Amino acid sequence: MEELDKFAVVSTDDILIYSKTEKEYSKYLRVALGRLQDHQLYAKFSKCESWLKEVAFLGHVLSENGVAVDPSKVQDVLSWVQPKSVTDIRSFLRLVGYYCMFIENFFKITKPMTELLKKNVKFEWFEECEVAFQTLKYHLTTTPILAQSNVHNSFDIYCDASCFGLSYVLIQEGCVVAYASRQLKSYEENYPTHDIDLATVVHTLKI
């Protein structure tokens, strides 16, 4: 726990060690291997890679420039055909939603498609849905490289609320770390302006 999000990321049985300098990396790698040894856990040497300048990890590409979308995963989105049912929409949005932190105002773009997910709404693929579908594909091929956050430094959060939804941008040292957004829930549509603004702050801090 002491090393998580400081120089280590763990997902099931995958461990990623990162650093800003080679000297730091040597130190961190020794600490990580020491942790495994202390608990009699072992890494298979043939599956280990060290001293990389760029690495693909959990659908992302990490480098000294920051965090980017893995191009091989984007190809799955680009090859997706027009949804023909609610199930198709859910599957597509689930796939694209994994990268929503790279897309500003994600909820606004997806709104025409999510409207078709509501109960008692007839499935009709209008022009607005096709525009949203193609826009999501476009954004995934032109996503920005996000900055790798440093938990020891302060963050700036920019919030925005509208009658459609909530959105925010997480920034550190002038660089975007992540975007996030969501549509208003039905009961939130009746909120007065100051309550919607507060809901944005609460939503932001939870994330």
Protein backbone atom coordinates (compact mmCIF):
# COMPACT_ATOMS: atom_id res chain seq x y z
CA MET A 1 0.00 0.00 0.00
CA GLU A 2 2.88 2.38 0.73
CA GLU A 3 4.09 2.20 -2.86
CA LEU A 4 0.76 2.30 -4.72
CA ASP A 5 0.27 5.39 -6.89
CA LYS A 6 3.69 6.69 -5.83
CA PHE A 7 5.73 4.53 -8.17
CA ALA A 8 3.67 1.36 -8.54
CA VAL A 9 0.36 0.36 -10.13
CA VAL A 10 -1.07 -3.12 -9.57
CA SER A 11 -3.85 -4.87 -11.51
CA THR A 12 -4.51 -8.48 -10.50
CA ASP A 13 -1.13 -10.10 -11.25
CA ASP A 14 0.35 -7.25 -13.30
CA ILE A 15 2.74 -4.82 -11.61
CA LEU A 16 3.90 -1.60 -13.22
CA ILE A 17 6.85 0.33 -11.78
CA TYR A 18 7.39 3.87 -13.05
CA SER A 19 9.75 6.75 -12.32
CA LYS A 20 10.96 10.08 -13.64
CA THR A 21 14.66 9.14 -13.73
CA GLU A 22 16.67 5.96 -14.27
CA LYS A 23 18.22 6.37 -10.82
CA GLU A 24 14.75 6.43 -9.23
CA TYR A 25 13.68 3.45 -11.32
CA SER A 26 16.58 1.33 -10.05
CA LYS A 27 15.62 2.19 -6.47
CA TYR A 28 11.90 1.55 -6.98
CA LEU A 29 12.45 -1.74 -8.79
CA ARG A 30 14.59 -2.98 -5.90
CA VAL A 31 11.85 -2.02 -3.42
CA ALA A 32 9.15 -3.80 -5.47
CA LEU A 33 11.18 -6.99 -5.85
CA GLY A 34 11.99 -6.85 -2.14
CA ARG A 35 8.28 -6.71 -1.33
CA LEU A 36 7.64 -9.82 -3.43
CA GLN A 37 10.54 -11.64 -1.78
CA ASP A 38 9.34 -10.72 1.72
CA HIS A 39 6.02 -12.45 0.99
CA GLN A 40 7.49 -15.35 -0.98
CA LEU A 41 5.96 -14.21 -4.25
CA TYR A 42 7.84 -14.60 -7.51
CA ALA A 43 7.79 -12.92 -10.92
CA LYS A 44 8.49 -15.04 -13.98
CA PHE A 45 11.59 -13.55 -15.58
CA SER A 46 10.48 -14.30 -19.15
CA LYS A 47 7.35 -12.19 -18.60
CA CYS A 48 9.20 -9.22 -17.11
CA GLU A 49 10.35 -6.15 -19.00
CA SER A 50 12.50 -3.41 -17.51
CA TRP A 51 13.94 0.00 -18.40
CA LEU A 52 11.28 0.68 -21.04
CA LYS A 53 10.68 4.20 -22.35
CA GLU A 54 7.14 3.25 -23.41
CA VAL A 55 4.82 0.48 -22.29
CA ALA A 56 1.27 -0.70 -23.07
CA PHE A 57 -0.70 -1.29 -19.86
CA LEU A 58 -4.43 -1.95 -19.41
CA GLY A 59 -5.41 -0.43 -22.76
CA HIS A 60 -3.15 2.60 -22.35
CA VAL A 61 0.32 3.54 -23.57
CA LEU A 62 2.51 5.09 -20.88
CA SER A 63 5.60 7.10 -21.73
CA GLU A 64 7.59 10.09 -20.51
CA ASN A 65 5.05 12.28 -22.32
CA GLY A 66 2.11 10.97 -20.27
CA VAL A 67 -0.82 8.57 -20.73
CA ALA A 68 -2.29 7.88 -24.18
CA VAL A 69 -4.91 5.54 -25.62
CA ASP A 70 -3.51 2.25 -26.95
CA PRO A 71 -3.87 2.47 -30.77
CA SER A 72 -4.57 -1.27 -31.02
CA LYS A 73 -7.63 -0.85 -28.80
CA VAL A 74 -8.87 2.14 -30.80
CA GLN A 75 -9.03 -0.10 -33.86
CA ASP A 76 -11.78 -2.13 -32.19
CA VAL A 77 -13.87 1.04 -31.90
CA LEU A 78 -13.20 2.20 -35.45
CA SER A 79 -14.30 -1.13 -36.89
CA TRP A 80 -17.60 -1.10 -34.93
CA VAL A 81 -20.61 -1.07 -37.25
CA GLN A 82 -23.70 1.05 -36.67
CA PRO A 83 -25.68 -0.26 -33.65
CA LYS A 84 -28.91 -2.03 -34.57
CA SER A 85 -30.30 -2.52 -31.06
CA VAL A 86 -30.15 -1.29 -27.47
CA THR A 87 -27.75 -4.14 -26.69
CA ASP A 88 -25.40 -2.94 -29.44
CA ILE A 89 -25.46 0.60 -28.02
CA ARG A 90 -24.69 -0.63 -24.51
CA SER A 91 -21.77 -2.71 -25.77
CA PHE A 92 -20.34 0.18 -27.78
CA LEU A 93 -20.69 2.71 -24.96
CA ARG A 94 -19.12 0.25 -22.53
CA LEU A 95 -16.10 -0.06 -24.82
CA VAL A 96 -15.76 3.66 -25.52
CA GLY A 97 -16.61 4.58 -21.94
CA TYR A 98 -13.38 2.95 -20.78
CA TYR A 99 -11.60 5.92 -22.37
CA CYS A 100 -14.05 8.64 -21.29
CA MET A 101 -11.31 10.32 -19.23
CA PHE A 102 -9.69 11.29 -22.55
CA ILE A 103 -12.85 12.85 -24.03
CA GLU A 104 -14.08 16.24 -22.91
CA ASN A 105 -17.87 16.47 -22.37
CA PHE A 106 -18.28 12.74 -23.01
CA PHE A 107 -21.87 12.80 -21.66
CA LYS A 108 -22.95 15.52 -24.10
CA ILE A 109 -21.64 13.58 -27.07
CA THR A 110 -23.31 10.32 -26.02
CA LYS A 111 -26.67 11.85 -25.04
CA PRO A 112 -28.52 11.05 -28.32
CA MET A 113 -27.45 7.41 -27.95
CA THR A 114 -28.20 7.09 -24.24
CA GLU A 115 -31.71 8.45 -24.85
CA LEU A 116 -32.42 5.21 -26.75
CA LEU A 117 -31.55 3.22 -23.62
CA LYS A 118 -34.53 4.58 -21.68
CA LYS A 119 -37.59 2.44 -21.05
CA ASN A 120 -40.52 2.74 -23.44
CA VAL A 121 -38.40 4.55 -26.04
CA LYS A 122 -38.67 3.13 -29.57
CA PHE A 123 -35.31 2.27 -31.12
CA GLU A 124 -34.83 4.66 -34.02
CA TRP A 125 -31.34 5.56 -35.20
CA PHE A 126 -31.70 9.28 -35.96
CA GLU A 127 -29.08 11.48 -37.59
CA GLU A 128 -28.10 12.82 -34.15
CA CYS A 129 -27.23 9.27 -33.07
CA GLU A 130 -25.03 8.73 -36.12
CA VAL A 131 -23.26 12.06 -35.50
CA ALA A 132 -22.60 11.04 -31.88
CA PHE A 133 -21.41 7.59 -33.03
CA GLN A 134 -18.93 9.04 -35.53
CA THR A 135 -17.84 11.83 -33.15
CA LEU A 136 -16.83 9.28 -30.52
CA LYS A 137 -14.78 7.42 -33.10
CA TYR A 138 -13.11 10.66 -34.15
CA HIS A 139 -12.27 11.68 -30.59
CA LEU A 140 -10.64 8.34 -29.86
CA THR A 141 -8.27 8.80 -32.80
CA THR A 142 -7.40 12.35 -31.74
CA THR A 143 -7.30 11.98 -27.95
CA PRO A 144 -4.84 14.13 -26.02
CA ILE A 145 -1.94 12.68 -24.08
CA LEU A 146 -2.88 13.07 -20.42
CA ALA A 147 -0.36 14.00 -17.76
CA GLN A 148 0.68 11.44 -15.16
CA SER A 149 -0.44 12.91 -11.85
CA ASN A 150 1.85 13.36 -8.88
CA VAL A 151 0.04 12.71 -5.58
CA HIS A 152 2.51 14.96 -3.75
CA ASN A 153 1.58 18.07 -5.77
CA SER A 154 -1.62 20.11 -5.68
CA PHE A 155 -4.40 19.84 -8.28
CA ASP A 156 -6.71 22.34 -9.93
CA ILE A 157 -10.28 21.30 -10.71
CA TYR A 158 -12.50 23.15 -13.17
CA CYS A 159 -16.21 22.31 -12.81
CA ASP A 160 -19.11 23.08 -15.11
CA ALA A 161 -22.84 22.49 -14.64
CA SER A 162 -25.66 22.88 -17.13
CA CYS A 163 -29.27 21.79 -17.52
CA PHE A 164 -27.93 18.70 -19.35
CA GLY A 165 -25.19 17.43 -17.06
CA LEU A 166 -22.05 17.85 -15.00
CA SER A 167 -18.45 17.96 -16.19
CA TYR A 168 -15.00 18.71 -14.88
CA VAL A 169 -11.34 18.82 -15.85
CA LEU A 170 -8.58 17.72 -13.47
CA ILE A 171 -5.38 19.71 -14.05
CA GLN A 172 -1.94 19.60 -12.49
CA GLU A 173 0.82 22.10 -13.25
CA GLY A 174 -1.11 23.37 -16.27
CA CYS A 175 -1.54 19.90 -17.83
CA VAL A 176 -4.80 17.93 -18.15
CA VAL A 177 -4.82 14.76 -16.03
CA ALA A 178 -8.39 13.67 -16.80
CA TYR A 179 -11.82 14.68 -18.05
CA ALA A 180 -15.05 13.43 -16.51
CA SER A 181 -18.75 14.10 -17.00
CA ARG A 182 -22.21 12.63 -16.55
CA GLN A 183 -25.80 13.42 -17.43
CA LEU A 184 -28.17 14.79 -14.84
CA LYS A 185 -30.33 12.24 -13.04
CA SER A 186 -34.07 12.75 -13.39
CA TYR A 187 -34.51 14.21 -9.89
CA GLU A 188 -31.50 16.52 -10.37
CA GLU A 189 -33.25 18.23 -13.27
CA ASN A 190 -35.50 19.91 -10.68
CA TYR A 191 -32.57 21.27 -8.65
CA PRO A 192 -32.13 25.05 -8.36
CA THR A 193 -28.92 26.40 -9.94
CA HIS A 194 -26.86 26.52 -6.75
CA ASP A 195 -27.70 22.88 -5.94
CA ILE A 196 -26.63 21.73 -9.41
CA ASP A 197 -23.36 23.64 -8.98
CA LEU A 198 -22.83 21.92 -5.64
CA ALA A 199 -23.66 18.53 -7.18
CA THR A 200 -20.85 19.14 -9.67
CA VAL A 201 -18.36 19.73 -6.88
CA VAL A 202 -19.51 16.61 -5.00
CA HIS A 203 -19.33 14.51 -8.18
CA THR A 204 -15.85 15.83 -8.91
CA LEU A 205 -14.46 15.12 -5.46
CA LYS A 206 -15.93 11.60 -5.42
CA ILE A 207 -14.08 10.75 -8.62
